[in-house]
């Protein structure tokens, strides 16, 4: 039996389109595993995944990196929060808020921050729903944890997050390159 190609994907990424194309073109089984952002590099280092659809930045030492797309950062707020009335605003308008997962890089809050315990994005959205703070997440993760009692607002002055396909340089075989081709939109008949 052929060894499966193991592809992990970070929470919020949607590999369905690529997995479907892979299954149409290849006899090699494909195993998909969803992982949290903090786990993505470790899976490659421990060889528990052959490739990862990862959210950058990631330590790319000894890795191939193919950038796929960008994600907009959003603030998740209680539906009762004044920011919920807007589609987009600068993060500087939220500088007097409590950032549940910590302030975004480059943002200096105008108020002392509470010492929130470590939590998952789902738990942080629950805190935001209670009105106790705001959560800055990539839009795909905010949508994944969407609830009726929260809203997400695009943050116009934060850089977009990159999503990329990454894999170890020493794991560059035919299946790996075939999956890269699928992700990059190559047809079954095109070559690298």
Protein backbone atom coordinates (compact mmCIF):
# COMPACT_ATOMS: atom_id res chain seq x y z
CA UNK A 1 0.00 0.00 0.00
CA UNK A 2 1.22 3.50 -0.86
CA UNK A 3 2.22 5.76 2.00
CA UNK A 4 -0.19 8.68 2.38
CA UNK A 5 0.84 12.29 1.82
CA UNK A 6 0.22 13.94 5.19
CA UNK A 7 -0.82 17.59 4.92
CA UNK A 8 -1.66 19.61 8.00
CA UNK A 9 -3.52 22.88 7.72
CA UNK A 10 -3.74 25.72 10.18
CA UNK A 11 -7.11 26.55 11.71
CA UNK A 12 -9.09 28.71 9.30
CA UNK A 13 -7.43 27.43 6.12
CA UNK A 14 -9.69 25.51 3.74
CA UNK A 15 -7.78 22.83 1.79
CA UNK A 16 -10.92 21.18 0.36
CA UNK A 17 -10.46 22.46 -3.20
CA UNK A 18 -6.86 21.26 -3.34
CA UNK A 19 -7.69 17.91 -1.68
CA UNK A 20 -10.43 17.30 -4.23
CA UNK A 21 -8.07 18.00 -7.14
CA UNK A 22 -5.41 15.79 -5.55
CA UNK A 23 -7.82 12.87 -5.28
CA UNK A 24 -8.78 13.30 -8.96
CA UNK A 25 -5.13 13.19 -10.08
CA UNK A 26 -3.23 10.93 -7.69
CA UNK A 27 -3.45 7.42 -6.34
CA UNK A 28 -1.46 8.44 -3.28
CA UNK A 29 -3.85 8.77 -0.33
CA UNK A 30 -4.08 12.20 1.26
CA UNK A 31 -4.38 12.64 5.03
CA UNK A 32 -5.52 16.09 6.20
CA UNK A 33 -5.11 17.27 9.78
CA UNK A 34 -6.17 20.61 11.26
CA UNK A 35 -3.62 22.16 13.65
CA UNK A 36 -3.32 25.29 15.73
CA UNK A 37 -0.85 27.94 14.60
CA UNK A 38 1.58 27.25 17.45
CA UNK A 39 1.88 23.58 16.31
CA UNK A 40 2.64 24.09 12.63
CA UNK A 41 6.46 24.05 12.70
CA UNK A 42 6.65 21.22 15.26
CA UNK A 43 4.68 18.89 12.98
CA UNK A 44 7.34 19.26 10.29
CA UNK A 45 10.23 18.96 12.74
CA UNK A 46 8.77 15.79 14.26
CA UNK A 47 7.86 14.49 10.78
CA UNK A 48 4.23 14.03 11.76
CA UNK A 49 3.28 15.96 8.60
CA UNK A 50 4.91 16.10 5.18
CA UNK A 51 3.58 19.57 4.40
CA UNK A 52 1.69 22.29 6.26
CA UNK A 53 -0.63 24.99 4.99
CA UNK A 54 0.71 27.46 7.53
CA UNK A 55 0.12 31.00 8.69
CA UNK A 56 3.29 33.09 8.47
CA UNK A 57 5.57 34.01 10.06
CA UNK A 58 7.17 30.62 10.63
CA UNK A 59 10.81 29.75 11.15
CA UNK A 60 11.61 28.80 7.57
CA UNK A 61 15.08 27.40 8.25
CA UNK A 62 15.40 24.30 6.03
CA UNK A 63 11.88 24.81 4.63
CA UNK A 64 10.46 25.49 1.20
CA UNK A 65 7.79 28.22 1.35
CA UNK A 66 5.16 28.86 -1.34
CA UNK A 67 2.98 31.85 -0.50
CA UNK A 68 -0.68 31.18 -1.26
CA UNK A 69 -2.83 34.13 -0.18
CA UNK A 70 -3.27 36.91 2.36
CA UNK A 71 -5.82 37.14 5.16
CA UNK A 72 -7.31 40.36 6.49
CA UNK A 73 -6.96 40.93 10.24
CA UNK A 74 -10.23 41.62 12.04
CA UNK A 75 -11.31 42.60 15.52
CA UNK A 76 -13.94 40.34 17.07
CA UNK A 77 -16.15 42.35 19.42
CA UNK A 78 -19.39 41.85 21.29
CA UNK A 79 -22.40 42.63 19.09
CA UNK A 80 -23.20 45.35 21.68
CA UNK A 81 -19.77 47.00 21.29
CA UNK A 82 -19.78 50.39 19.47
CA UNK A 83 -17.26 49.03 16.92
CA UNK A 84 -19.84 46.44 15.80
CA UNK A 85 -21.61 49.24 13.89
CA UNK A 86 -18.67 49.51 11.45
CA UNK A 87 -17.46 47.30 8.61
CA UNK A 88 -13.89 48.48 9.06
CA UNK A 89 -11.82 50.78 11.24
CA UNK A 90 -8.23 51.37 12.29
CA UNK A 91 -6.95 49.34 15.24
CA UNK A 92 -5.91 52.66 16.80
CA UNK A 93 -9.63 53.26 17.43
CA UNK A 94 -9.50 50.25 19.78
CA UNK A 95 -6.39 51.34 21.71
CA UNK A 96 -8.37 51.82 24.94
CA UNK A 97 -9.68 48.23 24.83
CA UNK A 98 -8.49 45.04 26.50
CA UNK A 99 -6.87 42.73 23.91
CA UNK A 100 -7.81 39.21 25.00
CA UNK A 101 -4.99 37.50 23.08
CA UNK A 102 -2.61 40.40 23.63
CA UNK A 103 -2.20 43.51 21.52
CA UNK A 104 -1.23 42.98 17.88
CA UNK A 105 2.43 43.54 16.96
CA UNK A 106 3.21 47.23 16.71
CA UNK A 107 0.13 48.32 18.70
CA UNK A 108 0.61 50.04 22.04
CA UNK A 109 -2.63 50.02 24.05
CA UNK A 110 -3.62 53.27 25.76
CA UNK A 111 -4.64 51.38 28.92
CA UNK A 112 -2.98 48.76 31.12
CA UNK A 113 -3.88 45.30 29.89
CA UNK A 114 -5.46 42.57 32.00
CA UNK A 115 -3.43 39.40 32.40
CA UNK A 116 -5.70 37.00 30.49
CA UNK A 117 -4.71 33.33 30.75
CA UNK A 118 -3.58 31.51 27.60
CA UNK A 119 -6.60 30.50 25.53
CA UNK A 120 -7.63 29.22 22.14
CA UNK A 121 -9.22 31.52 19.57
CA UNK A 122 -12.60 29.92 20.32
CA UNK A 123 -12.23 30.72 24.04
CA UNK A 124 -11.05 34.25 23.23
CA UNK A 125 -14.13 34.84 21.06
CA UNK A 126 -16.26 33.72 24.00
CA UNK A 127 -14.55 36.38 26.16
CA UNK A 128 -15.18 38.98 23.45
CA UNK A 129 -18.85 37.96 23.34
CA UNK A 130 -19.09 38.73 27.07
CA UNK A 131 -17.91 42.29 26.39
CA UNK A 132 -14.70 41.88 28.41
CA UNK A 133 -12.32 42.61 25.54
CA UNK A 134 -11.59 42.45 21.83
CA UNK A 135 -9.81 39.72 19.89
CA UNK A 136 -7.64 40.32 16.82
CA UNK A 137 -7.68 37.31 14.48
CA UNK A 138 -7.28 36.51 10.80
CA UNK A 139 -10.70 36.81 9.12
CA UNK A 140 -10.89 33.07 8.36
CA UNK A 141 -10.46 32.18 12.05
CA UNK A 142 -13.03 34.80 13.09
CA UNK A 143 -15.51 33.31 10.61
CA UNK A 144 -14.79 29.81 11.87
CA UNK A 145 -15.78 30.91 15.39
CA UNK A 146 -18.66 33.20 14.33
CA UNK A 147 -21.50 33.52 16.82
CA UNK A 148 -24.66 35.62 16.91
CA UNK A 149 -23.41 37.62 19.88
CA UNK A 150 -20.20 38.85 18.20
CA UNK A 151 -19.27 40.89 15.15
CA UNK A 152 -15.99 41.12 13.30
CA UNK A 153 -14.63 44.38 11.95
CA UNK A 154 -11.82 44.63 9.38
CA UNK A 155 -8.78 46.43 10.77
CA UNK A 156 -7.47 48.78 8.09
CA UNK A 157 -4.10 49.66 9.58
CA UNK A 158 -2.72 46.20 10.34
CA UNK A 159 -0.79 44.18 7.76
CA UNK A 160 -2.47 41.18 6.19
CA UNK A 161 -1.31 37.72 7.32
CA UNK A 162 0.24 35.41 4.73
CA UNK A 163 -0.83 31.79 4.34
CA UNK A 164 1.76 29.53 2.71
CA UNK A 165 2.44 25.91 1.89
CA UNK A 166 5.63 24.83 3.69
CA UNK A 167 7.62 21.61 3.73
CA UNK A 168 11.08 20.39 4.68
CA UNK A 169 13.82 20.79 2.06
CA UNK A 170 14.79 17.13 2.58
CA UNK A 171 11.19 16.05 1.76
CA UNK A 172 11.01 17.11 -1.87
CA UNK A 173 9.83 14.00 -3.71
CA UNK A 174 7.40 13.50 -6.62
CA UNK A 175 4.28 13.49 -4.42
CA UNK A 176 5.38 16.69 -2.71
CA UNK A 177 5.98 18.43 -6.03
CA UNK A 178 2.68 17.09 -7.41
CA UNK A 179 0.81 18.60 -4.44
CA UNK A 180 2.65 21.91 -4.92
CA UNK A 181 1.45 21.80 -8.53
CA UNK A 182 -2.15 21.27 -7.42
CA UNK A 183 -1.95 24.17 -4.97
CA UNK A 184 -0.35 26.46 -7.55
CA UNK A 185 -3.12 25.65 -10.04
CA UNK A 186 -1.13 23.60 -12.49
CA UNK A 187 -3.25 21.33 -14.66
CA UNK A 188 -2.70 17.57 -14.74
CA UNK A 189 -0.87 17.96 -18.08
CA UNK A 190 1.39 20.88 -17.23
CA UNK A 191 4.94 20.45 -16.01
CA UNK A 192 6.91 22.32 -13.39
